[in-house]
Amino acid sequence: MSEVRLTVEPRTEFGKGAARRTRRSGKIPAVLYGHGVDPRHLALPAIDFARVIRENGQNAVLTLNVSGAADKAEKSTELALTKTVTIHPLKNYIEHVDLLVVRRGEKVTVDVPIVLTGDAAPGTLVNQDVDTIQVEVDALKIPEQFEVSIEDAEAGAQVLAGQIALPAGAELVTDAEALVVAVNEAPTEAAMEAEVDTEGAGVVEDQPDAESQNGA
């Protein structure tokens, strides 16, 4: 995965009011931490950061150019990985971002998406149990995704996490026996209708007792 450059600004005001002002100015409050350094409070350009996440995913490595740093001793450029993106539950905008400092040659643990390709054999039903697997990999060589082919897979076929090909130098963190994809026989229309009939079987509506019928 390629590096993405982003120009950011240091933040000197904190709290909910300051965060709202940051967002109103078209920026996202963020914290950069890791490697034993003091956390740095930053403001990310909202439109540019959202585009990075949309086009490159959350595992994109960011080259942060910190403009106008209050402390001139601080590094003006940092490599960072997006750790957490907090989304407003109702309005669907990015409220806050946590960024993790990374170094060239360093290994990081990330969740990489799994994408299924191809079509299983006719008469089958494909169940994808997990959408990502976790790997430890060089911070600058994070795969965008892992492709798993199910082309012509017959009922009964399975793909376990340990069967997914990883790039050189990457190590699987997810349990190798974890089920990723299962190909099952698709139920027939008759079987589905029988299941519906079975669900309704044995249900008896309450009937009024004799006393109720006699007006007692």
N, C-alpha and C. Protein backbone atom coordinates (compact mmCIF):
# COMPACT_ATOMS: atom_id res chain seq x y z
N MET A 1 0.85 -1.19 0.00
CA MET A 1 0.00 0.00 0.00
C MET A 1 0.89 1.24 0.00
N SER A 2 0.60 2.18 -0.86
CA SER A 2 1.45 3.37 -1.00
C SER A 2 1.21 4.35 0.14
N GLU A 3 2.20 5.21 0.35
CA GLU A 3 2.07 6.26 1.35
C GLU A 3 1.22 7.40 0.78
N VAL A 4 0.51 8.07 1.67
CA VAL A 4 -0.33 9.20 1.27
C VAL A 4 0.09 10.41 2.09
N ARG A 5 0.36 11.51 1.41
CA ARG A 5 0.78 12.73 2.10
C ARG A 5 -0.42 13.56 2.51
N LEU A 6 -0.34 14.11 3.71
CA LEU A 6 -1.43 14.91 4.25
C LEU A 6 -0.84 16.05 5.07
N THR A 7 -1.24 17.28 4.78
CA THR A 7 -0.77 18.43 5.55
C THR A 7 -1.73 18.66 6.71
N VAL A 8 -1.19 18.68 7.92
CA VAL A 8 -2.01 18.81 9.13
C VAL A 8 -1.50 19.99 9.95
N GLU A 9 -2.31 20.38 10.95
CA GLU A 9 -1.94 21.50 11.81
C GLU A 9 -1.95 21.06 13.26
N PRO A 10 -1.08 21.64 14.09
CA PRO A 10 -1.14 21.34 15.53
C PRO A 10 -2.36 22.02 16.16
N ARG A 11 -2.90 21.39 17.19
CA ARG A 11 -4.01 21.98 17.94
C ARG A 11 -3.51 22.45 19.30
N THR A 12 -3.93 23.63 19.69
CA THR A 12 -3.52 24.18 20.99
C THR A 12 -4.72 24.34 21.93
N GLU A 13 -5.93 24.18 21.40
CA GLU A 13 -7.15 24.27 22.22
C GLU A 13 -7.76 22.88 22.34
N PHE A 14 -8.29 22.58 23.52
CA PHE A 14 -8.84 21.25 23.75
C PHE A 14 -10.22 21.35 24.38
N GLY A 15 -10.90 20.21 24.49
CA GLY A 15 -12.25 20.19 25.04
C GLY A 15 -13.30 20.13 23.95
N LYS A 16 -14.56 19.94 24.37
CA LYS A 16 -15.65 19.77 23.41
C LYS A 16 -15.87 21.01 22.56
N GLY A 17 -15.79 22.18 23.21
CA GLY A 17 -16.00 23.42 22.46
C GLY A 17 -14.93 23.62 21.41
N ALA A 18 -13.68 23.36 21.77
CA ALA A 18 -12.58 23.50 20.81
C ALA A 18 -12.73 22.50 19.68
N ALA A 19 -13.17 21.27 20.01
CA ALA A 19 -13.36 20.25 18.98
C ALA A 19 -14.44 20.67 17.99
N ARG A 20 -15.53 21.27 18.51
CA ARG A 20 -16.59 21.73 17.61
C ARG A 20 -16.08 22.84 16.70
N ARG A 21 -15.28 23.74 17.25
CA ARG A 21 -14.73 24.83 16.42
C ARG A 21 -13.80 24.26 15.34
N THR A 22 -13.04 23.24 15.70
CA THR A 22 -12.15 22.60 14.72
C THR A 22 -12.96 22.00 13.58
N ARG A 23 -14.04 21.30 13.92
CA ARG A 23 -14.86 20.68 12.89
C ARG A 23 -15.58 21.72 12.04
N ARG A 24 -16.01 22.82 12.67
CA ARG A 24 -16.68 23.88 11.90
C ARG A 24 -15.74 24.51 10.87
N SER A 25 -14.45 24.48 11.15
CA SER A 25 -13.47 25.05 10.23
C SER A 25 -13.05 24.07 9.13
N GLY A 26 -13.75 22.91 9.06
CA GLY A 26 -13.45 21.94 8.00
C GLY A 26 -12.32 20.99 8.33
N LYS A 27 -12.05 20.82 9.62
CA LYS A 27 -10.95 19.94 10.04
C LYS A 27 -11.46 18.91 11.05
N ILE A 28 -10.65 17.88 11.29
CA ILE A 28 -11.01 16.81 12.21
C ILE A 28 -10.01 16.79 13.37
N PRO A 29 -10.48 16.84 14.62
CA PRO A 29 -9.56 16.69 15.76
C PRO A 29 -8.92 15.30 15.74
N ALA A 30 -7.61 15.26 16.00
CA ALA A 30 -6.90 13.97 15.99
C ALA A 30 -5.81 13.99 17.04
N VAL A 31 -5.40 12.78 17.44
CA VAL A 31 -4.27 12.62 18.37
C VAL A 31 -3.28 11.64 17.75
N LEU A 32 -2.02 12.02 17.75
CA LEU A 32 -0.94 11.18 17.23
C LEU A 32 -0.11 10.70 18.42
N TYR A 33 0.06 9.37 18.55
CA TYR A 33 0.80 8.85 19.70
C TYR A 33 1.59 7.63 19.27
N GLY A 34 2.46 7.16 20.18
CA GLY A 34 3.24 5.96 19.91
C GLY A 34 4.73 6.21 20.01
N HIS A 35 5.50 5.12 20.11
CA HIS A 35 6.96 5.14 20.21
C HIS A 35 7.46 5.98 21.39
N GLY A 36 6.68 5.98 22.46
CA GLY A 36 7.12 6.60 23.69
C GLY A 36 7.15 8.11 23.69
N VAL A 37 6.61 8.74 22.65
CA VAL A 37 6.61 10.20 22.61
C VAL A 37 5.29 10.71 23.18
N ASP A 38 5.30 11.97 23.63
CA ASP A 38 4.07 12.57 24.14
C ASP A 38 3.05 12.68 23.02
N PRO A 39 1.77 12.42 23.32
CA PRO A 39 0.73 12.55 22.29
C PRO A 39 0.73 13.96 21.69
N ARG A 40 0.52 14.03 20.40
CA ARG A 40 0.43 15.32 19.72
C ARG A 40 -0.99 15.52 19.21
N HIS A 41 -1.55 16.68 19.49
CA HIS A 41 -2.92 16.99 19.09
C HIS A 41 -2.88 17.73 17.77
N LEU A 42 -3.60 17.17 16.78
CA LEU A 42 -3.54 17.69 15.43
C LEU A 42 -4.94 17.97 14.89
N ALA A 43 -4.99 18.74 13.81
CA ALA A 43 -6.22 18.98 13.06
C ALA A 43 -5.99 18.50 11.64
N LEU A 44 -6.80 17.51 11.19
CA LEU A 44 -6.66 16.95 9.86
C LEU A 44 -7.65 17.62 8.90
N PRO A 45 -7.28 17.86 7.66
CA PRO A 45 -8.25 18.38 6.68
C PRO A 45 -9.34 17.35 6.44
N ALA A 46 -10.58 17.69 6.76
CA ALA A 46 -11.67 16.71 6.76
C ALA A 46 -11.90 16.08 5.38
N ILE A 47 -11.98 16.88 4.34
CA ILE A 47 -12.27 16.36 3.00
C ILE A 47 -11.14 15.47 2.52
N ASP A 48 -9.89 15.91 2.72
CA ASP A 48 -8.74 15.13 2.25
C ASP A 48 -8.63 13.82 3.01
N PHE A 49 -8.83 13.85 4.33
CA PHE A 49 -8.72 12.61 5.11
C PHE A 49 -9.82 11.64 4.73
N ALA A 50 -11.05 12.13 4.57
CA ALA A 50 -12.15 11.25 4.18
C ALA A 50 -11.87 10.61 2.82
N ARG A 51 -11.26 11.35 1.91
CA ARG A 51 -10.92 10.80 0.59
C ARG A 51 -9.88 9.70 0.72
N VAL A 52 -8.89 9.90 1.59
CA VAL A 52 -7.85 8.89 1.81
C VAL A 52 -8.47 7.59 2.30
N ILE A 53 -9.36 7.68 3.29
CA ILE A 53 -10.00 6.49 3.84
C ILE A 53 -10.87 5.81 2.80
N ARG A 54 -11.57 6.62 2.01
CA ARG A 54 -12.47 6.06 0.99
C ARG A 54 -11.69 5.35 -0.11
N GLU A 55 -10.58 5.94 -0.55
CA GLU A 55 -9.84 5.41 -1.69
C GLU A 55 -8.77 4.39 -1.29
N ASN A 56 -8.23 4.49 -0.09
CA ASN A 56 -7.11 3.64 0.31
C ASN A 56 -7.40 2.73 1.50
N GLY A 57 -8.52 2.97 2.18
CA GLY A 57 -8.83 2.17 3.36
C GLY A 57 -8.13 2.70 4.60
N GLN A 58 -8.51 2.15 5.75
CA GLN A 58 -7.98 2.64 7.01
C GLN A 58 -6.52 2.25 7.24
N ASN A 59 -6.02 1.27 6.46
CA ASN A 59 -4.63 0.84 6.64
C ASN A 59 -3.63 1.66 5.83
N ALA A 60 -4.09 2.73 5.20
CA ALA A 60 -3.17 3.58 4.45
C ALA A 60 -2.15 4.21 5.40
N VAL A 61 -0.88 4.21 5.01
CA VAL A 61 0.16 4.87 5.80
C VAL A 61 0.19 6.34 5.40
N LEU A 62 0.05 7.21 6.39
CA LEU A 62 0.00 8.65 6.15
C LEU A 62 1.35 9.29 6.42
N THR A 63 1.82 10.09 5.48
CA THR A 63 2.98 10.95 5.74
C THR A 63 2.42 12.31 6.14
N LEU A 64 2.51 12.62 7.43
CA LEU A 64 1.92 13.85 7.95
C LEU A 64 2.93 14.98 7.90
N ASN A 65 2.60 16.02 7.18
CA ASN A 65 3.41 17.24 7.17
C ASN A 65 2.76 18.21 8.14
N VAL A 66 3.41 18.43 9.28
CA VAL A 66 2.84 19.27 10.33
C VAL A 66 3.25 20.71 10.06
N SER A 67 2.30 21.53 9.69
CA SER A 67 2.59 22.93 9.37
C SER A 67 2.45 23.80 10.61
N GLY A 68 3.32 24.78 10.73
CA GLY A 68 3.24 25.76 11.81
C GLY A 68 3.28 25.16 13.19
N ALA A 69 4.16 24.19 13.42
CA ALA A 69 4.26 23.55 14.74
C ALA A 69 4.59 24.58 15.81
N ALA A 70 3.86 24.51 16.93
CA ALA A 70 4.10 25.46 18.01
C ALA A 70 5.47 25.23 18.62
N ASP A 71 5.86 23.97 18.73
CA ASP A 71 7.17 23.62 19.27
C ASP A 71 8.10 23.30 18.10
N LYS A 72 9.05 24.20 17.81
CA LYS A 72 9.92 24.03 16.65
C LYS A 72 10.82 22.81 16.79
N ALA A 73 10.95 22.27 18.03
CA ALA A 73 11.79 21.09 18.23
C ALA A 73 11.08 19.83 17.76
N GLU A 74 9.77 19.91 17.63
CA GLU A 74 9.03 18.73 17.19
C GLU A 74 9.32 18.43 15.72
N LYS A 75 9.26 17.14 15.38
CA LYS A 75 9.46 16.76 13.99
C LYS A 75 8.32 17.32 13.15
N SER A 76 8.61 17.83 11.98
CA SER A 76 7.58 18.41 11.12
C SER A 76 6.94 17.36 10.22
N THR A 77 7.54 16.14 10.14
CA THR A 77 7.00 15.08 9.32
C THR A 77 6.98 13.78 10.11
N GLU A 78 5.85 13.08 10.05
CA GLU A 78 5.72 11.81 10.75
C GLU A 78 5.00 10.81 9.86
N LEU A 79 5.38 9.53 9.99
CA LEU A 79 4.63 8.44 9.36
C LEU A 79 3.61 7.94 10.38
N ALA A 80 2.37 7.76 9.94
CA ALA A 80 1.33 7.35 10.88
C ALA A 80 0.35 6.39 10.23
N LEU A 81 -0.24 5.56 11.08
CA LEU A 81 -1.27 4.62 10.65
C LEU A 81 -2.55 4.98 11.39
N THR A 82 -3.66 4.98 10.68
CA THR A 82 -4.94 5.29 11.32
C THR A 82 -5.33 4.14 12.24
N LYS A 83 -5.50 4.44 13.52
CA LYS A 83 -5.83 3.40 14.49
C LYS A 83 -7.34 3.34 14.74
N THR A 84 -7.96 4.49 14.97
CA THR A 84 -9.39 4.53 15.26
C THR A 84 -10.02 5.74 14.59
N VAL A 85 -11.16 5.51 13.95
CA VAL A 85 -11.96 6.60 13.38
C VAL A 85 -13.32 6.60 14.07
N THR A 86 -13.64 7.69 14.76
CA THR A 86 -14.91 7.80 15.47
C THR A 86 -15.91 8.55 14.60
N ILE A 87 -17.03 7.88 14.28
CA ILE A 87 -18.06 8.46 13.42
C ILE A 87 -19.27 8.88 14.27
N HIS A 88 -19.83 10.05 14.00
CA HIS A 88 -21.03 10.48 14.71
C HIS A 88 -22.16 9.48 14.40
N PRO A 89 -22.83 8.96 15.44
CA PRO A 89 -23.82 7.89 15.22
C PRO A 89 -25.04 8.31 14.41
N LEU A 90 -25.37 9.58 14.38
CA LEU A 90 -26.57 10.04 13.67
C LEU A 90 -26.24 10.82 12.41
N LYS A 91 -25.24 11.71 12.50
CA LYS A 91 -24.96 12.60 11.37
C LYS A 91 -23.90 12.06 10.42
N ASN A 92 -23.25 10.96 10.82
CA ASN A 92 -22.34 10.23 9.92
C ASN A 92 -21.13 11.04 9.46
N TYR A 93 -20.64 11.95 10.28
CA TYR A 93 -19.38 12.63 9.96
C TYR A 93 -18.30 12.14 10.91
N ILE A 94 -17.04 12.33 10.55
CA ILE A 94 -15.93 11.88 11.38
C ILE A 94 -15.74 12.85 12.54
N GLU A 95 -15.86 12.36 13.76
CA GLU A 95 -15.74 13.21 14.94
C GLU A 95 -14.29 13.33 15.42
N HIS A 96 -13.56 12.21 15.35
CA HIS A 96 -12.21 12.19 15.93
C HIS A 96 -11.43 11.05 15.31
N VAL A 97 -10.11 11.21 15.28
CA VAL A 97 -9.23 10.19 14.73
C VAL A 97 -8.04 9.97 15.67
N ASP A 98 -7.70 8.71 15.90
CA ASP A 98 -6.47 8.35 16.62
C ASP A 98 -5.46 7.84 15.60
N LEU A 99 -4.26 8.37 15.64
CA LEU A 99 -3.19 7.99 14.72
C LEU A 99 -2.02 7.40 15.49
N LEU A 100 -1.41 6.37 14.92
CA LEU A 100 -0.28 5.69 15.56
C LEU A 100 0.99 5.95 14.77
N VAL A 101 2.02 6.45 15.47
CA VAL A 101 3.32 6.68 14.83
C VAL A 101 3.93 5.35 14.42
N VAL A 102 4.43 5.27 13.19
CA VAL A 102 5.13 4.07 12.73
C VAL A 102 6.49 4.47 12.18
N ARG A 103 7.39 3.52 12.10
CA ARG A 103 8.74 3.75 11.58
C ARG A 103 8.95 2.84 10.37
N ARG A 104 9.79 3.27 9.46
CA ARG A 104 10.12 2.45 8.30
C ARG A 104 10.79 1.16 8.76
N GLY A 105 10.34 0.04 8.21
CA GLY A 105 10.88 -1.26 8.59
C GLY A 105 10.20 -1.87 9.79
N GLU A 106 9.33 -1.12 10.44
CA GLU A 106 8.62 -1.63 11.62
C GLU A 106 7.43 -2.50 11.19
N LYS A 107 7.15 -3.55 11.97
CA LYS A 107 5.97 -4.37 11.72
C LYS A 107 4.81 -3.90 12.59
N VAL A 108 3.62 -3.92 11.98
CA VAL A 108 2.41 -3.54 12.69
C VAL A 108 1.38 -4.65 12.54
N THR A 109 0.41 -4.68 13.46
CA THR A 109 -0.68 -5.65 13.38
C THR A 109 -1.93 -4.94 12.89
N VAL A 110 -2.47 -5.41 11.78
CA VAL A 110 -3.62 -4.74 11.17
C VAL A 110 -4.65 -5.78 10.71
N ASP A 111 -5.89 -5.32 10.55
CA ASP A 111 -6.95 -6.14 9.97
C ASP A 111 -7.04 -5.83 8.49
N VAL A 112 -6.92 -6.86 7.65
CA VAL A 112 -6.95 -6.69 6.20
C VAL A 112 -8.23 -7.31 5.65
N PRO A 113 -8.97 -6.56 4.81
CA PRO A 113 -10.24 -7.08 4.27
C PRO A 113 -10.03 -8.30 3.38
N ILE A 114 -11.05 -9.18 3.38
CA ILE A 114 -11.07 -10.36 2.51
C ILE A 114 -12.14 -10.14 1.44
N VAL A 115 -11.75 -10.32 0.19
CA VAL A 115 -12.67 -10.14 -0.94
C VAL A 115 -12.80 -11.47 -1.68
N LEU A 116 -14.03 -11.94 -1.85
CA LEU A 116 -14.27 -13.18 -2.58
C LEU A 116 -14.34 -12.90 -4.08
N THR A 117 -13.72 -13.77 -4.87
CA THR A 117 -13.77 -13.62 -6.32
C THR A 117 -14.31 -14.90 -6.95
N GLY A 118 -14.95 -14.76 -8.12
CA GLY A 118 -15.48 -15.92 -8.82
C GLY A 118 -16.84 -16.33 -8.29
N ASP A 119 -17.40 -17.36 -8.92
CA ASP A 119 -18.72 -17.87 -8.55
C ASP A 119 -18.60 -19.36 -8.21
N ALA A 120 -19.23 -19.71 -7.10
CA ALA A 120 -19.24 -21.13 -6.70
C ALA A 120 -20.11 -21.93 -7.66
N ALA A 121 -20.03 -23.25 -7.56
CA ALA A 121 -20.78 -24.14 -8.45
C ALA A 121 -22.28 -23.89 -8.30
N PRO A 122 -23.05 -24.12 -9.37
CA PRO A 122 -24.51 -23.96 -9.29
C PRO A 122 -25.11 -24.82 -8.17
N GLY A 123 -26.16 -24.29 -7.56
CA GLY A 123 -26.84 -25.04 -6.50
C GLY A 123 -26.15 -24.96 -5.15
N THR A 124 -25.25 -23.98 -4.99
CA THR A 124 -24.56 -23.83 -3.71
C THR A 124 -24.87 -22.47 -3.09
N LEU A 125 -24.59 -22.38 -1.81
CA LEU A 125 -24.79 -21.14 -1.05
C LEU A 125 -23.48 -20.81 -0.35
N VAL A 126 -22.93 -19.60 -0.59
CA VAL A 126 -21.64 -19.21 -0.03
C VAL A 126 -21.86 -18.38 1.23
N ASN A 127 -21.23 -18.79 2.33
CA ASN A 127 -21.28 -18.06 3.59
C ASN A 127 -19.88 -17.57 3.94
N GLN A 128 -19.73 -16.25 4.05
CA GLN A 128 -18.45 -15.68 4.46
C GLN A 128 -18.55 -15.34 5.94
N ASP A 129 -17.82 -16.10 6.76
CA ASP A 129 -17.91 -15.96 8.21
C ASP A 129 -17.20 -14.72 8.74
N VAL A 130 -16.09 -14.34 8.12
CA VAL A 130 -15.34 -13.16 8.58
C VAL A 130 -15.01 -12.28 7.38
N ASP A 131 -14.97 -10.97 7.60
CA ASP A 131 -14.68 -10.01 6.53
C ASP A 131 -13.21 -9.61 6.50
N THR A 132 -12.47 -9.85 7.60
CA THR A 132 -11.07 -9.48 7.68
C THR A 132 -10.29 -10.57 8.39
N ILE A 133 -8.98 -10.61 8.15
CA ILE A 133 -8.09 -11.40 8.99
C ILE A 133 -6.98 -10.48 9.49
N GLN A 134 -6.43 -10.82 10.62
CA GLN A 134 -5.40 -9.98 11.23
C GLN A 134 -4.02 -10.53 10.92
N VAL A 135 -3.12 -9.64 10.48
CA VAL A 135 -1.76 -10.05 10.14
C VAL A 135 -0.77 -9.07 10.73
N GLU A 136 0.45 -9.56 10.92
CA GLU A 136 1.57 -8.69 11.31
C GLU A 136 2.44 -8.52 10.08
N VAL A 137 2.66 -7.28 9.69
CA VAL A 137 3.31 -7.03 8.40
C VAL A 137 4.09 -5.71 8.46
N ASP A 138 5.05 -5.55 7.58
CA ASP A 138 5.80 -4.29 7.47
C ASP A 138 4.81 -3.14 7.27
N ALA A 139 5.00 -2.07 8.04
CA ALA A 139 4.07 -0.95 8.01
C ALA A 139 3.91 -0.34 6.62
N LEU A 140 4.95 -0.43 5.79
CA LEU A 140 4.88 0.15 4.45
C LEU A 140 4.53 -0.88 3.38
N LYS A 141 4.18 -2.10 3.80
CA LYS A 141 3.83 -3.14 2.84
C LYS A 141 2.50 -3.81 3.21
N ILE A 142 1.58 -3.02 3.75
CA ILE A 142 0.29 -3.57 4.15
C ILE A 142 -0.56 -3.83 2.91
N PRO A 143 -1.03 -5.06 2.73
CA PRO A 143 -1.89 -5.35 1.56
C PRO A 143 -3.21 -4.58 1.66
N GLU A 144 -3.73 -4.15 0.52
CA GLU A 144 -5.03 -3.48 0.53
C GLU A 144 -6.14 -4.48 0.84
N GLN A 145 -5.98 -5.72 0.37
CA GLN A 145 -6.97 -6.76 0.61
C GLN A 145 -6.38 -8.12 0.27
N PHE A 146 -7.05 -9.17 0.73
CA PHE A 146 -6.71 -10.54 0.33
C PHE A 146 -7.85 -11.07 -0.52
N GLU A 147 -7.53 -11.55 -1.71
CA GLU A 147 -8.54 -12.12 -2.59
C GLU A 147 -8.60 -13.64 -2.40
N VAL A 148 -9.80 -14.15 -2.23
CA VAL A 148 -10.04 -15.59 -2.05
C VAL A 148 -10.95 -16.04 -3.18
N SER A 149 -10.46 -16.94 -4.02
CA SER A 149 -11.25 -17.43 -5.14
C SER A 149 -12.17 -18.56 -4.70
N ILE A 150 -13.44 -18.44 -5.09
CA ILE A 150 -14.41 -19.53 -4.85
C ILE A 150 -14.94 -20.04 -6.19
N GLU A 151 -14.20 -19.77 -7.26
CA GLU A 151 -14.64 -20.17 -8.59
C GLU A 151 -14.89 -21.68 -8.66
N ASP A 152 -16.12 -22.05 -9.03
CA ASP A 152 -16.54 -23.45 -9.21
C ASP A 152 -16.44 -24.28 -7.93
N ALA A 153 -16.37 -23.64 -6.77
CA ALA A 153 -16.28 -24.40 -5.52
C ALA A 153 -17.56 -25.20 -5.29
N GLU A 154 -17.41 -26.46 -4.92
CA GLU A 154 -18.55 -27.35 -4.71
C GLU A 154 -19.03 -27.27 -3.26
N ALA A 155 -20.25 -27.74 -3.03
CA ALA A 155 -20.78 -27.79 -1.67
C ALA A 155 -19.84 -28.61 -0.78
N GLY A 156 -19.58 -28.09 0.41
CA GLY A 156 -18.66 -28.75 1.34
C GLY A 156 -17.29 -28.11 1.37
N ALA A 157 -16.98 -27.28 0.37
CA ALA A 157 -15.66 -26.62 0.34
C ALA A 157 -15.58 -25.56 1.44
N GLN A 158 -14.38 -25.43 2.01
CA GLN A 158 -14.13 -24.43 3.06
C GLN A 158 -12.79 -23.76 2.81
N VAL A 159 -12.68 -22.53 3.30
CA VAL A 159 -11.40 -21.83 3.29
C VAL A 159 -11.12 -21.38 4.72
N LEU A 160 -9.99 -21.82 5.27
CA LEU A 160 -9.57 -21.43 6.61
C LEU A 160 -8.58 -20.28 6.52
N ALA A 161 -8.44 -19.54 7.61
CA ALA A 161 -7.53 -18.39 7.61
C ALA A 161 -6.11 -18.80 7.23
N GLY A 162 -5.67 -19.96 7.69
CA GLY A 162 -4.32 -20.42 7.41
C GLY A 162 -4.09 -20.80 5.96
N GLN A 163 -5.15 -20.89 5.16
CA GLN A 163 -5.02 -21.24 3.75
C GLN A 163 -4.88 -20.02 2.84
N ILE A 164 -5.03 -18.85 3.40
CA ILE A 164 -4.93 -17.63 2.60
C ILE A 164 -3.46 -17.27 2.39
N ALA A 165 -3.08 -17.05 1.14
CA ALA A 165 -1.68 -16.72 0.83
C ALA A 165 -1.34 -15.32 1.33
N LEU A 166 -0.25 -15.22 2.08
CA LEU A 166 0.21 -13.94 2.62
C LEU A 166 1.45 -13.48 1.86
N PRO A 167 1.69 -12.18 1.80
CA PRO A 167 2.91 -11.69 1.15
C PRO A 167 4.14 -12.05 1.97
N ALA A 168 5.28 -12.05 1.33
CA ALA A 168 6.54 -12.39 2.01
C ALA A 168 6.75 -11.48 3.21
N GLY A 169 7.11 -12.08 4.34
CA GLY A 169 7.38 -11.30 5.54
C GLY A 169 6.18 -11.09 6.44
N ALA A 170 4.99 -11.38 5.94
CA ALA A 170 3.77 -11.21 6.74
C ALA A 170 3.49 -12.47 7.55
N GLU A 171 2.95 -12.30 8.74
CA GLU A 171 2.61 -13.42 9.61
C GLU A 171 1.15 -13.33 10.02
N LEU A 172 0.48 -14.47 10.02
CA LEU A 172 -0.93 -14.52 10.39
C LEU A 172 -1.08 -14.42 11.91
N VAL A 173 -1.95 -13.52 12.36
CA VAL A 173 -2.25 -13.37 13.78
C VAL A 173 -3.56 -14.07 14.12
N THR A 174 -4.53 -13.99 13.21
CA THR A 174 -5.79 -14.71 13.38
C THR A 174 -5.52 -16.21 13.49
N ASP A 175 -6.33 -16.92 14.26
CA ASP A 175 -6.21 -18.37 14.39
C ASP A 175 -6.25 -19.01 13.00
N ALA A 176 -5.26 -19.83 12.70
CA ALA A 176 -5.17 -20.44 11.38
C ALA A 176 -6.36 -21.34 11.08
N GLU A 177 -7.03 -21.85 12.12
CA GLU A 177 -8.17 -22.74 11.92
C GLU A 177 -9.50 -21.99 11.82
N ALA A 178 -9.44 -20.65 11.90
CA ALA A 178 -10.68 -19.86 11.83
C ALA A 178 -11.32 -20.02 10.45
N LEU A 179 -12.62 -20.28 10.44
CA LEU A 179 -13.34 -20.47 9.19
C LEU A 179 -13.60 -19.11 8.54
N VAL A 180 -13.18 -18.97 7.30
CA VAL A 180 -13.38 -17.73 6.56
C VAL A 180 -14.58 -17.86 5.63
N VAL A 181 -14.60 -18.92 4.83
CA VAL A 181 -15.67 -19.12 3.86
C VAL A 181 -16.12 -20.58 3.89
N ALA A 182 -17.41 -20.79 3.81
CA ALA A 182 -17.96 -22.14 3.69
C ALA A 182 -18.93 -22.17 2.53
N VAL A 183 -18.81 -23.18 1.69
CA VAL A 183 -19.73 -23.37 0.55
C VAL A 183 -20.66 -24.52 0.89
N ASN A 184 -21.95 -24.21 0.98
CA ASN A 184 -22.94 -25.21 1.36
C ASN A 184 -23.90 -25.47 0.20
N GLU A 185 -24.63 -26.57 0.32
CA GLU A 185 -25.65 -26.87 -0.68
C GLU A 185 -26.84 -25.94 -0.47
N ALA A 186 -27.27 -25.27 -1.53
CA ALA A 186 -28.39 -24.35 -1.41
C ALA A 186 -29.68 -25.11 -1.14
N PRO A 187 -30.52 -24.64 -0.22
CA PRO A 187 -31.78 -25.34 0.06
C PRO A 187 -32.73 -25.24 -1.14
N THR A 188 -33.47 -26.28 -1.37
CA THR A 188 -34.44 -26.28 -2.46
C THR A 188 -35.69 -25.51 -2.05
N GLU A 189 -36.47 -25.13 -3.03
CA GLU A 189 -37.72 -24.41 -2.74
C GLU A 189 -38.65 -25.27 -1.89
N ALA A 190 -38.69 -26.57 -2.19
CA ALA A 190 -39.56 -27.48 -1.42
C ALA A 190 -39.12 -27.55 0.03
N ALA A 191 -37.79 -27.57 0.25
CA ALA A 191 -37.27 -27.65 1.62
C ALA A 191 -37.61 -26.39 2.40
N MET A 192 -37.53 -25.22 1.74
CA MET A 192 -37.86 -23.97 2.42
C MET A 192 -39.34 -23.90 2.75
N GLU A 193 -40.20 -24.38 1.84
CA GLU A 193 -41.63 -24.40 2.11
C GLU A 193 -41.95 -25.35 3.26
N ALA A 194 -41.27 -26.50 3.29
CA ALA A 194 -41.50 -27.46 4.38
C ALA A 194 -41.10 -26.86 5.72
N GLU A 195 -40.02 -26.08 5.73
CA GLU A 195 -39.57 -25.45 6.98
C GLU A 195 -40.60 -24.45 7.47
N VAL A 196 -41.20 -23.68 6.55
CA VAL A 196 -42.23 -22.73 6.93
C VAL A 196 -43.44 -23.46 7.51
N ASP A 197 -43.83 -24.58 6.87
CA ASP A 197 -44.97 -25.35 7.38
C ASP A 197 -44.69 -25.90 8.76
N THR A 198 -43.45 -26.36 8.98
CA THR A 198 -43.08 -26.93 10.28
C THR A 198 -43.14 -25.89 11.38
N GLU A 199 -42.75 -24.66 11.05
CA GLU A 199 -42.75 -23.60 12.06
C GLU A 199 -44.17 -23.31 12.55
N GLY A 200 -45.15 -23.51 11.67
CA GLY A 200 -46.53 -23.22 12.08
C GLY A 200 -47.26 -24.42 12.65
N ALA A 201 -46.62 -25.60 12.60
CA ALA A 201 -47.28 -26.81 13.07
C ALA A 201 -47.40 -26.84 14.58
N GLY A 202 -48.48 -27.43 15.07
CA GLY A 202 -48.64 -27.62 16.51
C GLY A 202 -49.16 -26.41 17.24
N VAL A 203 -49.50 -25.33 16.52
CA VAL A 203 -50.02 -24.14 17.17
C VAL A 203 -51.53 -24.24 17.24
N VAL A 204 -52.08 -24.18 18.44
CA VAL A 204 -53.52 -24.28 18.63
C VAL A 204 -54.01 -22.99 19.25
N GLU A 205 -55.01 -22.39 18.61
CA GLU A 205 -55.54 -21.15 19.16
C GLU A 205 -56.31 -21.45 20.43
N ASP A 206 -56.25 -20.50 21.37
CA ASP A 206 -57.00 -20.65 22.62
C ASP A 206 -58.49 -20.67 22.33
N GLN A 207 -59.20 -21.62 22.93
CA GLN A 207 -60.64 -21.72 22.77
C GLN A 207 -61.32 -21.34 24.07
N PRO A 208 -62.44 -20.66 24.01
CA PRO A 208 -63.13 -20.33 25.26
C PRO A 208 -63.64 -21.58 25.96
N ASP A 209 -63.50 -21.61 27.30
CA ASP A 209 -63.95 -22.81 28.02
C ASP A 209 -65.48 -22.83 28.12
N ALA A 210 -66.00 -23.94 28.64
CA ALA A 210 -67.46 -24.14 28.68
C ALA A 210 -68.13 -23.07 29.52
N GLU A 211 -67.51 -22.71 30.66
CA GLU A 211 -68.12 -21.74 31.55
C GLU A 211 -68.25 -20.39 30.85
N SER A 212 -67.19 -20.02 30.06
CA SER A 212 -67.22 -18.73 29.37
C SER A 212 -68.34 -18.74 28.35
N GLN A 213 -68.53 -19.92 27.67
CA GLN A 213 -69.57 -19.99 26.65
C GLN A 213 -70.95 -19.89 27.26
N ASN A 214 -71.11 -20.36 28.54
CA ASN A 214 -72.41 -20.33 29.20
C ASN A 214 -72.64 -19.00 29.93
N GLY A 215 -71.63 -18.09 29.80
CA GLY A 215 -71.80 -16.78 30.43
C GLY A 215 -71.53 -16.78 31.89
N ALA A 216 -70.87 -17.82 32.44
CA ALA A 216 -70.60 -17.89 33.87
C ALA A 216 -69.56 -16.90 34.26
